[in-house]
Amino acid sequence: MAEEVTLQTPGNMWKVMVKPGDSVKAGDTLFIMEVMKMEVPHEAAADGVVKAVHVNEGDEGLDAGMLAVVIE
């Protein structure tokens, strides 16, 4: 079953740490957002392989709830 990682808060994408095909473990940082001048990391909840990345470094004005990464 795929895990869909969504944005928890609105903000800007500062750094994307994964790409499709990457293996990740639970707790690995997938991407870091800039929210109110603070860095907010988003982590994988489970082990798997990154299927898709829907965000890019430098994206601005992203909304909470947006699909960011899919892990299978």
N, C-alpha and C. Protein backbone atom coordinates (compact mmCIF):
# COMPACT_ATOMS: atom_id res chain seq x y z
N MET A 1 0.83 -1.18 0.00
CA MET A 1 0.00 0.00 0.00
C MET A 1 0.88 1.24 0.00
N ALA A 2 0.55 2.20 -0.81
CA ALA A 2 1.36 3.42 -0.95
C ALA A 2 1.10 4.37 0.22
N GLU A 3 2.15 5.03 0.64
CA GLU A 3 2.06 6.09 1.64
C GLU A 3 2.12 7.41 0.89
N GLU A 4 1.11 8.26 1.08
CA GLU A 4 1.10 9.58 0.47
C GLU A 4 1.50 10.60 1.53
N VAL A 5 2.60 11.30 1.28
CA VAL A 5 3.09 12.32 2.21
C VAL A 5 2.57 13.66 1.73
N THR A 6 1.78 14.31 2.58
CA THR A 6 1.21 15.62 2.23
C THR A 6 1.86 16.71 3.07
N LEU A 7 1.73 17.94 2.61
CA LEU A 7 2.27 19.08 3.34
C LEU A 7 1.39 19.35 4.55
N GLN A 8 2.02 19.52 5.69
CA GLN A 8 1.28 19.75 6.93
C GLN A 8 0.92 21.22 7.13
N THR A 9 1.70 22.10 6.53
CA THR A 9 1.46 23.54 6.65
C THR A 9 1.75 24.21 5.31
N PRO A 10 1.19 25.39 5.08
CA PRO A 10 1.56 26.12 3.87
C PRO A 10 2.98 26.66 4.01
N GLY A 11 3.65 26.87 2.90
CA GLY A 11 5.00 27.42 2.94
C GLY A 11 5.72 27.26 1.62
N ASN A 12 7.04 27.37 1.67
CA ASN A 12 7.89 27.27 0.49
C ASN A 12 8.78 26.04 0.60
N MET A 13 9.09 25.42 -0.53
CA MET A 13 9.94 24.23 -0.54
C MET A 13 11.40 24.68 -0.55
N TRP A 14 12.12 24.33 0.49
CA TRP A 14 13.51 24.74 0.60
C TRP A 14 14.44 23.69 -0.01
N LYS A 15 14.24 22.41 0.37
CA LYS A 15 15.15 21.36 -0.12
C LYS A 15 14.39 20.05 -0.26
N VAL A 16 14.57 19.39 -1.40
CA VAL A 16 14.00 18.06 -1.63
C VAL A 16 15.15 17.06 -1.56
N MET A 17 15.01 16.08 -0.68
CA MET A 17 16.11 15.16 -0.39
C MET A 17 16.00 13.82 -1.13
N VAL A 18 14.87 13.56 -1.80
CA VAL A 18 14.66 12.26 -2.46
C VAL A 18 14.22 12.46 -3.91
N LYS A 19 14.35 11.37 -4.67
CA LYS A 19 13.87 11.35 -6.07
C LYS A 19 13.25 9.98 -6.32
N PRO A 20 12.42 9.85 -7.35
CA PRO A 20 11.81 8.54 -7.63
C PRO A 20 12.88 7.45 -7.76
N GLY A 21 12.58 6.31 -7.14
CA GLY A 21 13.50 5.19 -7.16
C GLY A 21 14.36 5.07 -5.91
N ASP A 22 14.44 6.14 -5.12
CA ASP A 22 15.23 6.10 -3.89
C ASP A 22 14.56 5.21 -2.84
N SER A 23 15.36 4.41 -2.14
CA SER A 23 14.87 3.65 -0.99
C SER A 23 14.95 4.54 0.23
N VAL A 24 13.90 4.51 1.06
CA VAL A 24 13.89 5.30 2.29
C VAL A 24 13.48 4.40 3.46
N LYS A 25 13.92 4.80 4.63
CA LYS A 25 13.55 4.11 5.87
C LYS A 25 12.70 5.06 6.70
N ALA A 26 11.88 4.50 7.56
CA ALA A 26 11.05 5.31 8.45
C ALA A 26 11.96 6.29 9.20
N GLY A 27 11.58 7.55 9.21
CA GLY A 27 12.36 8.58 9.89
C GLY A 27 13.30 9.35 8.98
N ASP A 28 13.55 8.84 7.76
CA ASP A 28 14.40 9.57 6.81
C ASP A 28 13.70 10.88 6.42
N THR A 29 14.47 11.95 6.31
CA THR A 29 13.92 13.23 5.86
C THR A 29 13.71 13.19 4.35
N LEU A 30 12.48 13.49 3.93
CA LEU A 30 12.12 13.49 2.51
C LEU A 30 12.33 14.86 1.89
N PHE A 31 11.94 15.91 2.63
CA PHE A 31 12.08 17.28 2.15
C PHE A 31 12.00 18.22 3.35
N ILE A 32 12.48 19.45 3.13
CA ILE A 32 12.46 20.48 4.17
C ILE A 32 11.75 21.70 3.62
N MET A 33 10.74 22.15 4.35
CA MET A 33 10.00 23.35 3.95
C MET A 33 10.47 24.54 4.76
N GLU A 34 10.28 25.72 4.19
CA GLU A 34 10.49 26.96 4.93
C GLU A 34 9.11 27.48 5.29
N VAL A 35 8.85 27.55 6.60
CA VAL A 35 7.56 28.01 7.10
C VAL A 35 7.83 29.12 8.12
N MET A 36 7.41 30.31 7.79
CA MET A 36 7.62 31.48 8.67
C MET A 36 9.08 31.60 9.09
N LYS A 37 9.99 31.45 8.12
CA LYS A 37 11.44 31.57 8.29
C LYS A 37 12.04 30.47 9.16
N MET A 38 11.30 29.37 9.33
CA MET A 38 11.81 28.22 10.07
C MET A 38 11.89 27.03 9.11
N GLU A 39 12.88 26.17 9.31
CA GLU A 39 13.00 24.95 8.51
C GLU A 39 12.16 23.85 9.16
N VAL A 40 11.25 23.25 8.37
CA VAL A 40 10.36 22.20 8.87
C VAL A 40 10.57 20.94 8.04
N PRO A 41 11.27 19.92 8.62
CA PRO A 41 11.50 18.68 7.87
C PRO A 41 10.25 17.81 7.87
N HIS A 42 10.05 17.07 6.78
CA HIS A 42 8.99 16.08 6.66
C HIS A 42 9.68 14.74 6.48
N GLU A 43 9.26 13.74 7.27
CA GLU A 43 9.94 12.44 7.28
C GLU A 43 9.05 11.33 6.77
N ALA A 44 9.67 10.26 6.32
CA ALA A 44 8.95 9.06 5.91
C ALA A 44 8.39 8.37 7.16
N ALA A 45 7.15 7.92 7.07
CA ALA A 45 6.53 7.22 8.19
C ALA A 45 6.86 5.73 8.17
N ALA A 46 7.25 5.21 7.00
CA ALA A 46 7.54 3.79 6.86
C ALA A 46 8.64 3.57 5.83
N ASP A 47 9.23 2.39 5.86
CA ASP A 47 10.23 2.01 4.86
C ASP A 47 9.55 1.85 3.51
N GLY A 48 10.29 2.10 2.42
CA GLY A 48 9.74 1.88 1.09
C GLY A 48 10.61 2.48 0.01
N VAL A 49 10.05 2.57 -1.18
CA VAL A 49 10.73 3.15 -2.34
C VAL A 49 9.90 4.34 -2.82
N VAL A 50 10.58 5.44 -3.09
CA VAL A 50 9.90 6.65 -3.56
C VAL A 50 9.36 6.38 -4.96
N LYS A 51 8.04 6.50 -5.10
CA LYS A 51 7.37 6.28 -6.39
C LYS A 51 7.28 7.58 -7.18
N ALA A 52 6.96 8.70 -6.49
CA ALA A 52 6.78 9.98 -7.17
C ALA A 52 7.09 11.13 -6.22
N VAL A 53 7.60 12.22 -6.79
CA VAL A 53 7.86 13.45 -6.05
C VAL A 53 7.12 14.56 -6.79
N HIS A 54 6.20 15.23 -6.10
CA HIS A 54 5.36 16.25 -6.72
C HIS A 54 5.75 17.68 -6.36
N VAL A 55 6.91 17.85 -5.71
CA VAL A 55 7.39 19.17 -5.32
C VAL A 55 8.82 19.36 -5.83
N ASN A 56 9.21 20.60 -5.97
CA ASN A 56 10.56 20.93 -6.43
C ASN A 56 11.18 21.96 -5.51
N GLU A 57 12.51 21.90 -5.38
CA GLU A 57 13.19 22.93 -4.60
C GLU A 57 12.86 24.29 -5.20
N GLY A 58 12.56 25.24 -4.33
CA GLY A 58 12.26 26.60 -4.78
C GLY A 58 10.78 26.86 -5.02
N ASP A 59 9.93 25.82 -4.99
CA ASP A 59 8.49 26.05 -5.12
C ASP A 59 8.02 26.97 -4.00
N GLU A 60 7.21 27.95 -4.33
CA GLU A 60 6.72 28.91 -3.34
C GLU A 60 5.20 28.89 -3.27
N GLY A 61 4.68 29.27 -2.11
CA GLY A 61 3.24 29.39 -1.94
C GLY A 61 2.50 28.06 -1.96
N LEU A 62 3.13 27.02 -1.45
CA LEU A 62 2.49 25.70 -1.42
C LEU A 62 1.44 25.66 -0.32
N ASP A 63 0.37 24.91 -0.56
CA ASP A 63 -0.74 24.83 0.38
C ASP A 63 -0.67 23.58 1.23
N ALA A 64 -1.15 23.69 2.47
CA ALA A 64 -1.27 22.54 3.35
C ALA A 64 -2.19 21.52 2.69
N GLY A 65 -1.87 20.25 2.84
CA GLY A 65 -2.68 19.18 2.28
C GLY A 65 -2.25 18.75 0.89
N MET A 66 -1.35 19.51 0.26
CA MET A 66 -0.88 19.16 -1.09
C MET A 66 -0.07 17.87 -1.05
N LEU A 67 -0.29 16.99 -2.02
CA LEU A 67 0.48 15.75 -2.13
C LEU A 67 1.91 16.09 -2.54
N ALA A 68 2.89 15.63 -1.76
CA ALA A 68 4.29 15.94 -2.02
C ALA A 68 5.08 14.74 -2.51
N VAL A 69 4.96 13.60 -1.82
CA VAL A 69 5.76 12.42 -2.13
C VAL A 69 4.89 11.17 -1.97
N VAL A 70 5.08 10.21 -2.86
CA VAL A 70 4.40 8.91 -2.74
C VAL A 70 5.48 7.85 -2.56
N ILE A 71 5.30 7.01 -1.52
CA ILE A 71 6.24 5.94 -1.20
C ILE A 71 5.49 4.61 -1.25
N GLU A 72 6.08 3.61 -1.90
CA GLU A 72 5.47 2.27 -1.94
C GLU A 72 6.33 1.29 -1.18
